[in-house]
PDB file of N, CA and C in Angstrom:
ATOM      1  N   MET A   1      12.453  18.479 114.755  1.00  0.00           N
ATOM      2  CA  MET A   1      13.313  17.685 115.605  1.00  0.00           C
ATOM      3  C   MET A   1      13.910  18.597 116.668  1.00  0.00           C
ATOM      4  N   PRO A   2      13.737  18.246 117.929  1.00  0.00           N
ATOM      5  CA  PRO A   2      14.290  19.086 118.981  1.00  0.00           C
ATOM      6  C   PRO A   2      15.816  19.063 118.978  1.00  0.00           C
ATOM      7  N   ASN A   3      16.390  20.164 119.383  1.00  0.00           N
ATOM      8  CA  ASN A   3      17.842  20.253 119.480  1.00  0.00           C
ATOM      9  C   ASN A   3      18.217  20.055 120.944  1.00  0.00           C
ATOM     10  N   PHE A   4      18.862  18.936 121.244  1.00  0.00           N
ATOM     11  CA  PHE A   4      19.238  18.667 122.624  1.00  0.00           C
ATOM     12  C   PHE A   4      20.680  18.223 122.687  1.00  0.00           C
ATOM     13  N   SER A   5      21.295  18.429 123.830  1.00  0.00           N
ATOM     14  CA  SER A   5      22.697  18.065 123.979  1.00  0.00           C
ATOM     15  C   SER A   5      22.870  16.697 124.617  1.00  0.00           C
ATOM     16  N   HIS A   6      21.912  16.277 125.416  1.00  0.00           N
ATOM     17  CA  HIS A   6      22.003  14.952 126.018  1.00  0.00           C
ATOM     18  C   HIS A   6      20.616  14.496 126.450  1.00  0.00           C
ATOM     19  N   CYS A   7      20.513  13.208 126.674  1.00  0.00           N
ATOM     20  CA  CYS A   7      19.248  12.618 127.108  1.00  0.00           C
ATOM     21  C   CYS A   7      19.585  11.527 128.113  1.00  0.00           C
ATOM     22  N   GLU A   8      18.789  11.385 129.131  1.00  0.00           N
ATOM     23  CA  GLU A   8      19.002  10.316 130.100  1.00  0.00           C
ATOM     24  C   GLU A   8      17.858   9.330 129.996  1.00  0.00           C
ATOM     25  N   PHE A   9      18.195   8.063 130.053  1.00  0.00           N
ATOM     26  CA  PHE A   9      17.221   6.988 129.934  1.00  0.00           C
ATOM     27  C   PHE A   9      17.463   6.021 131.075  1.00  0.00           C
ATOM     28  N   TYR A  10      16.432   5.682 131.789  1.00  0.00           N
ATOM     29  CA  TYR A  10      16.566   4.775 132.928  1.00  0.00           C
ATOM     30  C   TYR A  10      15.790   3.501 132.656  1.00  0.00           C
ATOM     31  N   SER A  11      16.400   2.375 132.945  1.00  0.00           N
ATOM     32  CA  SER A  11      15.772   1.073 132.756  1.00  0.00           C
ATOM     33  C   SER A  11      16.441   0.101 133.715  1.00  0.00           C
ATOM     34  N   ARG A  12      16.034  -1.145 133.641  1.00  0.00           N
ATOM     35  CA  ARG A  12      16.659  -2.196 134.448  1.00  0.00           C
ATOM     36  C   ARG A  12      17.230  -3.260 133.521  1.00  0.00           C
ATOM     37  N   VAL A  13      18.342  -3.838 133.939  1.00  0.00           N
ATOM     38  CA  VAL A  13      18.923  -4.941 133.190  1.00  0.00           C
ATOM     39  C   VAL A  13      18.107  -6.187 133.499  1.00  0.00           C
ATOM     40  N   GLU A  14      17.611  -6.822 132.454  1.00  0.00           N
ATOM     41  CA  GLU A  14      16.845  -8.056 132.626  1.00  0.00           C
ATOM     42  C   GLU A  14      17.422  -9.108 131.693  1.00  0.00           C
ATOM     43  N   GLY A  15      17.828 -10.222 132.251  1.00  0.00           N
ATOM     44  CA  GLY A  15      18.389 -11.287 131.423  1.00  0.00           C
ATOM     45  C   GLY A  15      19.637 -10.848 130.683  1.00  0.00           C
ATOM     46  N   ARG A  16      20.449 -10.019 131.328  1.00  0.00           N
ATOM     47  CA  ARG A  16      21.688  -9.483 130.754  1.00  0.00           C
ATOM     48  C   ARG A  16      21.456  -8.749 129.438  1.00  0.00           C
ATOM     49  N   SER A  17      20.366  -8.034 129.349  1.00  0.00           N
ATOM     50  CA  SER A  17      20.112  -7.221 128.161  1.00  0.00           C
ATOM     51  C   SER A  17      19.407  -5.933 128.559  1.00  0.00           C
ATOM     52  N   VAL A  18      19.637  -4.910 127.782  1.00  0.00           N
ATOM     53  CA  VAL A  18      18.964  -3.630 127.959  1.00  0.00           C
ATOM     54  C   VAL A  18      18.409  -3.248 126.594  1.00  0.00           C
ATOM     55  N   ARG A  19      17.103  -3.071 126.500  1.00  0.00           N
ATOM     56  CA  ARG A  19      16.473  -2.734 125.226  1.00  0.00           C
ATOM     57  C   ARG A  19      16.336  -1.218 125.128  1.00  0.00           C
ATOM     58  N   LEU A  20      16.853  -0.676 124.044  1.00  0.00           N
ATOM     59  CA  LEU A  20      16.764   0.762 123.812  1.00  0.00           C
ATOM     60  C   LEU A  20      15.819   0.999 122.647  1.00  0.00           C
ATOM     61  N   CYS A  21      14.805   1.808 122.854  1.00  0.00           N
ATOM     62  CA  CYS A  21      13.870   2.111 121.777  1.00  0.00           C
ATOM     63  C   CYS A  21      13.171   3.428 122.076  1.00  0.00           C
ATOM     64  N   GLY A  22      12.598   4.003 121.059  1.00  0.00           N
ATOM     65  CA  GLY A  22      11.854   5.245 121.226  1.00  0.00           C
ATOM     66  C   GLY A  22      12.263   6.297 120.210  1.00  0.00           C
ATOM     67  N   ASP A  23      11.426   7.313 120.084  1.00  0.00           N
ATOM     68  CA  ASP A  23      11.685   8.394 119.133  1.00  0.00           C
ATOM     69  C   ASP A  23      12.970   9.147 119.453  1.00  0.00           C
ATOM     70  N   TRP A  24      13.367   9.150 120.709  1.00  0.00           N
ATOM     71  CA  TRP A  24      14.568   9.882 121.109  1.00  0.00           C
ATOM     72  C   TRP A  24      15.805   9.344 120.412  1.00  0.00           C
ATOM     73  N   MET A  25      15.798   8.048 120.020  1.00  0.00           N
ATOM     74  CA  MET A  25      16.971   7.489 119.338  1.00  0.00           C
ATOM     75  C   MET A  25      17.143   8.123 117.959  1.00  0.00           C
ATOM     76  N   ALA A  26      16.045   8.279 117.221  1.00  0.00           N
ATOM     77  CA  ALA A  26      16.113   8.937 115.912  1.00  0.00           C
ATOM     78  C   ALA A  26      16.516  10.396 116.078  1.00  0.00           C
ATOM     79  N   GLN A  27      16.035  11.034 117.119  1.00  0.00           N
ATOM     80  CA  GLN A  27      16.388  12.430 117.376  1.00  0.00           C
ATOM     81  C   GLN A  27      17.878  12.571 117.678  1.00  0.00           C
ATOM     82  N   ALA A  28      18.477  11.517 118.216  1.00  0.00           N
ATOM     83  CA  ALA A  28      19.912  11.528 118.517  1.00  0.00           C
ATOM     84  C   ALA A  28      20.755  11.114 117.313  1.00  0.00           C
ATOM     85  N   GLY A  29      20.089  10.750 116.187  1.00  0.00           N
ATOM     86  CA  GLY A  29      20.820  10.403 114.975  1.00  0.00           C
ATOM     87  C   GLY A  29      20.918   8.923 114.687  1.00  0.00           C
ATOM     88  N   PHE A  30      20.338   8.074 115.533  1.00  0.00           N
ATOM     89  CA  PHE A  30      20.372   6.632 115.315  1.00  0.00           C
ATOM     90  C   PHE A  30      19.214   6.240 114.405  1.00  0.00           C
ATOM     91  N   ILE A  31      19.529   5.690 113.237  1.00  0.00           N
ATOM     92  CA  ILE A  31      18.527   5.297 112.257  1.00  0.00           C
ATOM     93  C   ILE A  31      18.622   3.788 112.077  1.00  0.00           C
ATOM     94  N   ASN A  32      17.476   3.131 111.864  1.00  0.00           N
ATOM     95  CA  ASN A  32      17.455   1.675 111.679  1.00  0.00           C
ATOM     96  C   ASN A  32      18.479   1.239 110.641  1.00  0.00           C
ATOM     97  N   GLY A  33      19.232   0.209 110.965  1.00  0.00           N
ATOM     98  CA  GLY A  33      20.199  -0.365 110.042  1.00  0.00           C
ATOM     99  C   GLY A  33      21.576   0.274 110.073  1.00  0.00           C
ATOM    100  N   MET A  34      21.735   1.393 110.765  1.00  0.00           N
ATOM    101  CA  MET A  34      23.047   2.039 110.820  1.00  0.00           C
ATOM    102  C   MET A  34      23.956   1.267 111.772  1.00  0.00           C
ATOM    103  N   PRO A  35      25.236   1.108 111.416  1.00  0.00           N
ATOM    104  CA  PRO A  35      26.152   0.409 112.312  1.00  0.00           C
ATOM    105  C   PRO A  35      26.464   1.254 113.543  1.00  0.00           C
ATOM    106  N   VAL A  36      26.616   0.584 114.667  1.00  0.00           N
ATOM    107  CA  VAL A  36      26.938   1.273 115.912  1.00  0.00           C
ATOM    108  C   VAL A  36      28.244   0.732 116.483  1.00  0.00           C
ATOM    109  N   LYS A  37      28.872   1.539 117.297  1.00  0.00           N
ATOM    110  CA  LYS A  37      30.098   1.145 117.992  1.00  0.00           C
ATOM    111  C   LYS A  37      29.773   1.144 119.479  1.00  0.00           C
ATOM    112  N   ILE A  38      30.087   0.055 120.159  1.00  0.00           N
ATOM    113  CA  ILE A  38      29.798  -0.077 121.583  1.00  0.00           C
ATOM    114  C   ILE A  38      31.117  -0.210 122.329  1.00  0.00           C
ATOM    115  N   ARG A  39      31.349   0.709 123.267  1.00  0.00           N
ATOM    116  CA  ARG A  39      32.558   0.672 124.090  1.00  0.00           C
ATOM    117  C   ARG A  39      32.139   0.446 125.535  1.00  0.00           C
ATOM    118  N   MET A  40      32.853  -0.443 126.206  1.00  0.00           N
ATOM    119  CA  MET A  40      32.516  -0.779 127.587  1.00  0.00           C
ATOM    120  C   MET A  40      33.688  -0.481 128.500  1.00  0.00           C
ATOM    121  N   MET A  41      33.360   0.098 129.642  1.00  0.00           N
ATOM    122  CA  MET A  41      34.313   0.349 130.706  1.00  0.00           C
ATOM    123  C   MET A  41      33.627  -0.045 132.001  1.00  0.00           C
ATOM    124  N   LYS A  42      34.329  -0.060 133.080  1.00  0.00           N
ATOM    125  CA  LYS A  42      33.703  -0.399 134.357  1.00  0.00           C
ATOM    126  C   LYS A  42      32.560   0.569 134.642  1.00  0.00           C
ATOM    127  N   ASP A  43      31.384   0.033 134.859  1.00  0.00           N
ATOM    128  CA  ASP A  43      30.177   0.806 135.180  1.00  0.00           C
ATOM    129  C   ASP A  43      29.748   1.779 134.086  1.00  0.00           C
ATOM    130  N   CYS A  44      30.179   1.565 132.843  1.00  0.00           N
ATOM    131  CA  CYS A  44      29.840   2.507 131.780  1.00  0.00           C
ATOM    132  C   CYS A  44      29.785   1.802 130.427  1.00  0.00           C
ATOM    133  N   ILE A  45      28.757   2.083 129.646  1.00  0.00           N
ATOM    134  CA  ILE A  45      28.648   1.622 128.263  1.00  0.00           C
ATOM    135  C   ILE A  45      28.389   2.854 127.408  1.00  0.00           C
ATOM    136  N   VAL A  46      29.165   3.015 126.334  1.00  0.00           N
ATOM    137  CA  VAL A  46      28.995   4.143 125.424  1.00  0.00           C
ATOM    138  C   VAL A  46      28.619   3.586 124.059  1.00  0.00           C
ATOM    139  N   ILE A  47      27.505   4.052 123.509  1.00  0.00           N
ATOM    140  CA  ILE A  47      27.038   3.612 122.196  1.00  0.00           C
ATOM    141  C   ILE A  47      27.062   4.818 121.268  1.00  0.00           C
ATOM    142  N   THR A  48      27.820   4.710 120.179  1.00  0.00           N
ATOM    143  CA  THR A  48      27.897   5.785 119.195  1.00  0.00           C
ATOM    144  C   THR A  48      27.677   5.204 117.812  1.00  0.00           C
ATOM    145  N   LEU A  49      27.354   6.068 116.859  1.00  0.00           N
ATOM    146  CA  LEU A  49      27.250   5.613 115.482  1.00  0.00           C
ATOM    147  C   LEU A  49      28.640   5.251 114.990  1.00  0.00           C
ATOM    148  N   GLN A  50      28.729   4.165 114.228  1.00  0.00           N
ATOM    149  CA  GLN A  50      30.012   3.725 113.679  1.00  0.00           C
ATOM    150  C   GLN A  50      30.342   4.583 112.470  1.00  0.00           C
ATOM    151  N   ASN A  51      31.512   5.162 112.460  1.00  0.00           N
ATOM    152  CA  ASN A  51      31.980   5.957 111.334  1.00  0.00           C
ATOM    153  C   ASN A  51      32.220   5.023 110.154  1.00  0.00           C
ATOM    154  N   THR A  52      31.545   5.259 109.013  1.00  0.00           N
ATOM    155  CA  THR A  52      31.677   4.349 107.871  1.00  0.00           C
ATOM    156  C   THR A  52      33.090   4.357 107.302  1.00  0.00           C
ATOM    157  N   ARG A  53      33.790   5.474 107.399  1.00  0.00           N
ATOM    158  CA  ARG A  53      35.185   5.489 106.932  1.00  0.00           C
ATOM    159  C   ARG A  53      36.046   4.579 107.801  1.00  0.00           C
ATOM    160  N   GLU A  54      35.743   4.555 109.090  1.00  0.00           N
ATOM    161  CA  GLU A  54      36.465   3.663 109.996  1.00  0.00           C
ATOM    162  C   GLU A  54      36.181   2.209 109.631  1.00  0.00           C
ATOM    163  N   LEU A  55      34.920   1.916 109.274  1.00  0.00           N
ATOM    164  CA  LEU A  55      34.564   0.555 108.862  1.00  0.00           C
ATOM    165  C   LEU A  55      35.334   0.143 107.618  1.00  0.00           C
ATOM    166  N   TRP A  56      35.411   1.039 106.621  1.00  0.00           N
ATOM    167  CA  TRP A  56      36.150   0.710 105.408  1.00  0.00           C
ATOM    168  C   TRP A  56      37.621   0.468 105.721  1.00  0.00           C
ATOM    169  N   GLY A  57      38.178   1.210 106.653  1.00  0.00           N
ATOM    170  CA  GLY A  57      39.562   0.985 107.061  1.00  0.00           C
ATOM    171  C   GLY A  57      39.750  -0.400 107.652  1.00  0.00           C
ATOM    172  N   CYS A  58      38.764  -0.854 108.441  1.00  0.00           N
ATOM    173  CA  CYS A  58      38.826  -2.205 109.011  1.00  0.00           C
ATOM    174  C   CYS A  58      38.743  -3.252 107.911  1.00  0.00           C
ATOM    175  N   ILE A  59      37.859  -3.023 106.943  1.00  0.00           N
ATOM    176  CA  ILE A  59      37.696  -3.978 105.842  1.00  0.00           C
ATOM    177  C   ILE A  59      38.970  -4.048 105.017  1.00  0.00           C
ATOM    178  N   GLU A  60      39.555  -2.894 104.714  1.00  0.00           N
ATOM    179  CA  GLU A  60      40.800  -2.879 103.946  1.00  0.00           C
ATOM    180  C   GLU A  60      41.906  -3.602 104.695  1.00  0.00           C
ATOM    181  N   GLY A  61      41.932  -3.484 106.004  1.00  0.00           N
ATOM    182  CA  GLY A  61      42.937  -4.162 106.809  1.00  0.00           C
ATOM    183  C   GLY A  61      42.779  -5.669 106.803  1.00  0.00           C
ATOM    184  N   MET A  62      41.557  -6.140 106.522  1.00  0.00           N
ATOM    185  CA  MET A  62      41.300  -7.580 106.498  1.00  0.00           C
ATOM    186  C   MET A  62      41.424  -8.167 105.100  1.00  0.00           C
ATOM    187  N   SER A  63      41.644  -7.337 104.085  1.00  0.00           N
ATOM    188  CA  SER A  63      41.684  -7.849 102.719  1.00  0.00           C
ATOM    189  C   SER A  63      42.843  -8.829 102.560  1.00  0.00           C
ATOM    190  N   VAL A  64      42.607  -9.829 101.745  1.00  0.00           N
ATOM    191  CA  VAL A  64      43.617 -10.869 101.528  1.00  0.00           C
ATOM    192  C   VAL A  64      44.038 -10.867 100.064  1.00  0.00           C
ATOM    193  N   THR A  65      45.210 -11.376  99.810  1.00  0.00           N
ATOM    194  CA  THR A  65      45.735 -11.470  98.455  1.00  0.00           C
ATOM    195  C   THR A  65      45.440 -12.849  97.901  1.00  0.00           C
ATOM    196  N   TYR A  66      45.027 -12.898  96.645  1.00  0.00           N
ATOM    197  CA  TYR A  66      44.747 -14.175  95.994  1.00  0.00           C
ATOM    198  C   TYR A  66      46.041 -14.946  95.803  1.00  0.00           C
ATOM    199  N   ILE A  67      46.046 -16.195  96.230  1.00  0.00           N
ATOM    200  CA  ILE A  67      47.219 -17.058  96.059  1.00  0.00           C
ATOM    201  C   ILE A  67      46.810 -18.217  95.177  1.00  0.00           C
ATOM    202  N   ASN A  68      47.556 -18.458  94.105  1.00  0.00           N
ATOM    203  CA  ASN A  68      47.243 -19.522  93.154  1.00  0.00           C
ATOM    204  C   ASN A  68      47.788 -20.843  93.626  1.00  0.00           C
TER     205      ASN A  68
END
């Protein structure tokens, strides 16, 4: 696996979607089925792997108490 610090990918938006695929995704640490976090800003989209501890924190925050 090559060691790289960044990769640039160029495509066009079609039908309000951008498809990302290729071996470079696995090289960057993205594996099928892993949760991702998508952050959007003006003229910028950042996609990172979702931290599983952060996910558990969200789940714990949504837990409800049983009411009889």
